[in-house]
Protein backbone atom coordinates (compact mmCIF):
# COMPACT_ATOMS: atom_id res chain seq x y z
CA MET A 1 -20.40 139.02 138.64
CA ILE A 2 -20.77 140.71 142.31
CA ALA A 3 -17.19 140.41 144.04
CA ARG A 4 -18.77 142.45 147.28
CA LEU A 5 -21.42 144.00 148.87
CA LYS A 6 -21.50 146.88 150.91
CA GLY A 7 -24.69 148.23 153.16
CA ILE A 8 -27.49 147.87 155.77
CA ILE A 9 -28.25 144.10 157.27
CA ASP A 10 -31.94 143.98 156.30
CA ASP A 11 -32.80 140.35 157.76
CA LEU A 12 -30.68 137.48 159.19
CA GLY A 13 -30.84 134.41 159.71
CA PRO A 14 -28.85 130.84 161.23
CA ASP A 15 -26.82 130.92 157.83
CA TRP A 16 -27.68 133.81 155.64
CA LEU A 17 -28.65 137.48 155.87
CA VAL A 18 -30.50 140.17 153.69
CA ILE A 19 -28.06 142.96 153.06
CA ASP A 20 -29.99 146.63 151.66
CA VAL A 21 -27.62 148.08 149.50
CA SER A 22 -29.41 151.27 147.96
CA GLY A 23 -32.48 150.16 148.53
CA VAL A 24 -31.91 146.48 146.69
CA GLY A 25 -32.40 143.59 148.94
CA TYR A 26 -29.25 140.72 148.74
CA LEU A 27 -30.12 137.22 150.07
CA VAL A 28 -26.43 136.28 150.76
CA HIS A 29 -26.06 132.60 152.66
CA CYS A 30 -22.82 133.15 155.27
CA PRO A 31 -20.98 131.02 157.49
CA ALA A 32 -22.23 130.79 160.69
CA ARG A 33 -18.58 131.70 161.89
CA THR A 34 -19.66 135.41 159.54
CA ILE A 35 -23.27 135.64 160.54
CA ASN A 36 -22.50 135.23 164.80
CA ALA A 37 -19.67 138.32 164.27
CA LEU A 38 -22.23 140.48 162.42
CA PRO A 39 -22.99 143.50 164.20
CA GLY A 40 -26.92 143.34 163.97
CA LEU A 41 -29.94 144.40 162.17
CA GLY A 42 -29.96 148.09 160.82
CA THR A 43 -26.13 148.26 161.01
CA PRO A 44 -23.63 148.34 158.21
CA THR A 45 -21.79 145.62 156.89
CA ASP A 46 -19.09 144.58 154.20
CA LEU A 47 -19.04 141.08 152.38
CA HIS A 48 -16.83 139.57 149.93
CA ILE A 49 -19.02 137.59 147.59
CA GLU A 50 -18.95 134.67 145.57
CA THR A 51 -21.62 134.22 142.75
CA HIS A 52 -22.79 131.13 141.78
CA VAL A 53 -25.27 131.13 138.55
CA ARG A 54 -27.15 128.65 137.78
CA GLU A 55 -29.77 127.97 135.14
CA SER A 56 -32.66 128.54 137.49
CA GLN A 57 -31.02 131.06 139.83
CA ILE A 58 -28.00 133.24 140.97
CA SER A 59 -26.55 132.03 144.56
CA LEU A 60 -24.88 134.28 146.56
CA TYR A 61 -21.94 133.82 149.28
CA GLY A 62 -21.07 136.29 151.95
CA PHE A 63 -17.56 135.87 153.59
CA SER A 64 -16.24 138.58 156.11
CA ASP A 65 -12.53 138.73 154.35
CA VAL A 66 -10.91 137.49 151.38
CA ARG A 67 -9.10 134.01 152.86
CA GLN A 68 -12.55 133.02 153.94
CA ARG A 69 -13.76 133.53 150.47
CA GLU A 70 -10.62 131.58 148.86
CA CYS A 71 -11.20 128.87 150.99
CA PHE A 72 -14.57 128.41 150.42
CA ARG A 73 -13.66 128.05 146.51
CA LEU A 74 -10.87 125.72 147.10
CA LEU A 75 -13.62 123.27 149.25
CA THR A 76 -15.68 123.07 146.71
CA THR A 77 -13.04 122.21 144.18
CA VAL A 78 -13.25 118.74 145.89
CA GLN A 79 -16.12 115.85 144.71
CA GLY A 80 -18.95 116.02 147.22
CA VAL A 81 -18.79 118.74 148.42
CA GLY A 82 -20.99 121.67 147.50
CA ALA A 83 -21.89 125.33 148.81
CA LYS A 84 -23.72 124.16 151.92
CA VAL A 85 -21.19 121.59 153.10
CA ALA A 86 -18.34 124.08 152.24
CA LEU A 87 -20.59 126.80 154.23
CA ALA A 88 -20.39 124.09 156.92
CA ILE A 89 -16.90 123.91 157.80
CA LEU A 90 -16.15 127.22 157.21
CA GLY A 91 -18.46 128.25 159.90
CA THR A 92 -16.89 125.61 162.26
CA LEU A 93 -12.89 126.23 161.27
CA SER A 94 -11.58 129.65 159.90
CA PRO A 95 -8.98 129.85 157.29
CA ASP A 96 -5.61 129.07 159.50
CA GLN A 97 -7.60 126.30 161.59
CA LEU A 98 -8.49 125.02 158.22
CA VAL A 99 -4.74 125.10 156.69
CA GLU A 100 -3.36 123.79 159.98
CA ALA A 101 -5.72 120.90 160.03
CA ILE A 102 -5.18 119.94 156.30
CA LEU A 103 -1.55 120.17 157.49
CA ALA A 104 -1.63 118.18 159.87
CA GLN A 105 -3.72 115.77 158.30
CA ASP A 106 -6.20 115.59 161.39
CA LYS A 107 -9.71 113.77 160.26
CA ALA A 108 -10.79 114.68 163.69
CA LEU A 109 -11.25 117.98 163.31
CA MET A 110 -12.36 118.08 159.85
CA SER A 111 -14.94 116.41 160.38
CA ARG A 112 -16.51 118.56 162.96
CA ALA A 113 -18.46 120.60 160.49
CA ASP A 114 -22.07 119.08 159.67
CA GLY A 115 -22.23 117.00 156.56
CA VAL A 116 -18.35 115.65 156.70
CA GLY A 117 -18.20 112.29 157.53
CA PRO A 118 -15.30 110.34 158.03
CA ARG A 119 -15.01 109.23 154.03
CA LEU A 120 -15.19 112.80 153.03
CA ALA A 121 -13.18 114.41 155.75
CA ALA A 122 -10.61 111.75 154.50
CA ARG A 123 -11.26 113.00 150.81
CA LEU A 124 -10.41 116.97 151.86
CA LEU A 125 -7.39 115.77 153.55
CA THR A 126 -5.98 114.05 150.23
CA GLU A 127 -7.02 116.31 148.30
CA LEU A 128 -6.24 119.54 149.47
CA LYS A 129 -2.45 118.70 151.02
CA ASP A 130 -0.88 119.82 148.17
CA ARG A 131 -2.78 123.15 147.38
CA ILE A 132 -3.50 124.16 150.42
CA LEU A 133 -0.94 126.29 151.17
CA THR A 134 -1.61 128.51 148.06
CA VAL A 135 -4.75 129.93 149.60
CA ALA A 136 -5.77 131.72 152.53
CA GLY A 137 -2.08 132.98 152.79
CA GLY A 138 -1.14 129.48 153.98
CA LEU A 139 1.58 128.63 156.36
CA HIS A 140 3.28 132.14 156.52
CA VAL A 141 -0.35 134.49 156.92
CA VAL A 142 -0.83 131.79 159.77
CA ALA A 143 2.47 132.30 161.80
CA ALA A 144 1.91 135.96 161.17
CA ASP A 145 -0.87 135.78 162.72
CA ARG A 146 0.50 134.38 165.57
CA GLN A 147 2.98 137.37 165.96
CA SER A 148 3.40 140.73 167.09
CA PRO A 149 1.91 143.20 163.79
CA ALA A 150 5.59 144.65 164.01
CA THR A 151 7.34 141.58 163.04
CA ALA A 152 4.12 139.68 161.03
CA PRO A 153 4.72 141.42 157.54
CA ALA A 154 8.06 139.36 157.44
CA ALA A 155 6.67 136.13 158.11
CA ALA A 156 3.81 137.09 155.81
CA THR A 157 6.65 136.97 152.82
CA ALA A 158 9.38 135.17 153.77
CA GLY A 159 9.92 132.74 151.35
CA PRO A 160 7.64 130.13 148.71
CA GLU A 161 5.31 127.72 150.00
CA GLY A 162 7.06 125.11 148.60
CA VAL A 163 9.98 125.44 151.33
CA THR A 164 7.62 125.48 154.84
CA ALA A 165 5.85 122.04 152.86
CA ASP A 166 9.08 120.32 152.20
CA ALA A 167 9.93 121.26 155.86
CA ILE A 168 7.28 119.09 156.79
CA SER A 169 7.68 116.30 154.71
CA ALA A 170 11.26 115.87 155.85
CA LEU A 171 10.25 116.19 160.14
CA VAL A 172 7.86 113.63 158.66
CA ASN A 173 9.94 111.72 157.27
CA LEU A 174 12.56 111.77 160.62
CA GLY A 175 9.50 110.01 162.67
CA TYR A 176 7.92 112.83 163.93
CA GLY A 177 3.93 113.29 163.96
CA ARG A 178 3.02 115.50 161.26
CA ALA A 179 0.57 118.18 163.18
CA GLU A 180 3.68 119.21 165.70
CA ALA A 181 6.26 119.01 162.31
CA PHE A 182 3.49 121.33 161.20
CA GLY A 183 3.38 123.44 164.85
CA ALA A 184 7.37 123.19 164.94
CA VAL A 185 7.86 124.70 161.69
CA THR A 186 4.97 127.27 161.81
CA ARG A 187 6.87 128.69 165.18
CA ALA A 188 10.83 128.54 163.39
CA ILE A 189 9.11 130.67 160.83
CA GLY A 190 7.26 133.38 163.54
CA ALA A 191 10.41 133.09 165.70
CA PRO A 192 12.92 136.31 165.27
CA GLY A 193 15.49 135.87 162.80
CA GLU A 194 13.07 133.16 160.91
CA ALA A 195 14.24 131.14 158.78
CA SER A 196 13.43 131.12 155.06
CA SER A 197 15.10 128.41 153.57
CA LEU A 198 14.83 124.93 153.55
CA GLU A 199 18.67 125.09 155.02
CA ALA A 200 17.59 127.51 157.36
CA LEU A 201 14.22 126.20 158.41
CA ILE A 202 14.94 122.09 159.16
CA PRO A 203 16.95 122.88 161.87
CA ALA A 204 14.86 125.82 163.28
CA ALA A 205 12.32 123.45 163.26
CA LEU A 206 13.85 120.94 165.38
CA LYS A 207 15.14 123.27 167.87
CA GLU A 208 12.09 123.76 168.44
CA LEU A 209 10.65 119.93 168.53
CA GLY A 210 13.38 119.99 170.74
CA GLN A 211 12.13 122.58 173.21
């Protein structure tokens, strides 16, 4: 199975490219965000690959980083979401935005992608809300990305993912909306002297909500 390709961009389309690896051209389907970030024809590129093998063909899907590929894998586990729809979602939302949309249960944001209507968006939010924190770095990576490089590693490794999900759930039970609860917990994790336990995280998040 092909997991990574490094080569020269030989041809480009809106959602695909041909990458020349030692004289062999590989057709790779990609999210629009990945295609738009490529440097152009004749330049080197390095893509993380997901390989799908069917009876009649082998399809390659390329991503700019591992987090994007992990999100693709998770999305395609949902009924009604094939590779094309998953690519459309990742062409519209970054991994961070996907994590936030699912935790916030934001149907409108999820529905921005082509091929995702209200019914499918609702299914995605329901089926992935308890699994999204296990891939793409989850909430801690979202928080770490919002910090300075000097503090990001600490946030990325702080505490189990279940603590953040429990904190969000606790705030929702207190009457806060899921979106504002998510934002408060994210800010609390990213704050100096971040809270890594549930007992410390909830008061820190409440403090963020009160500001």
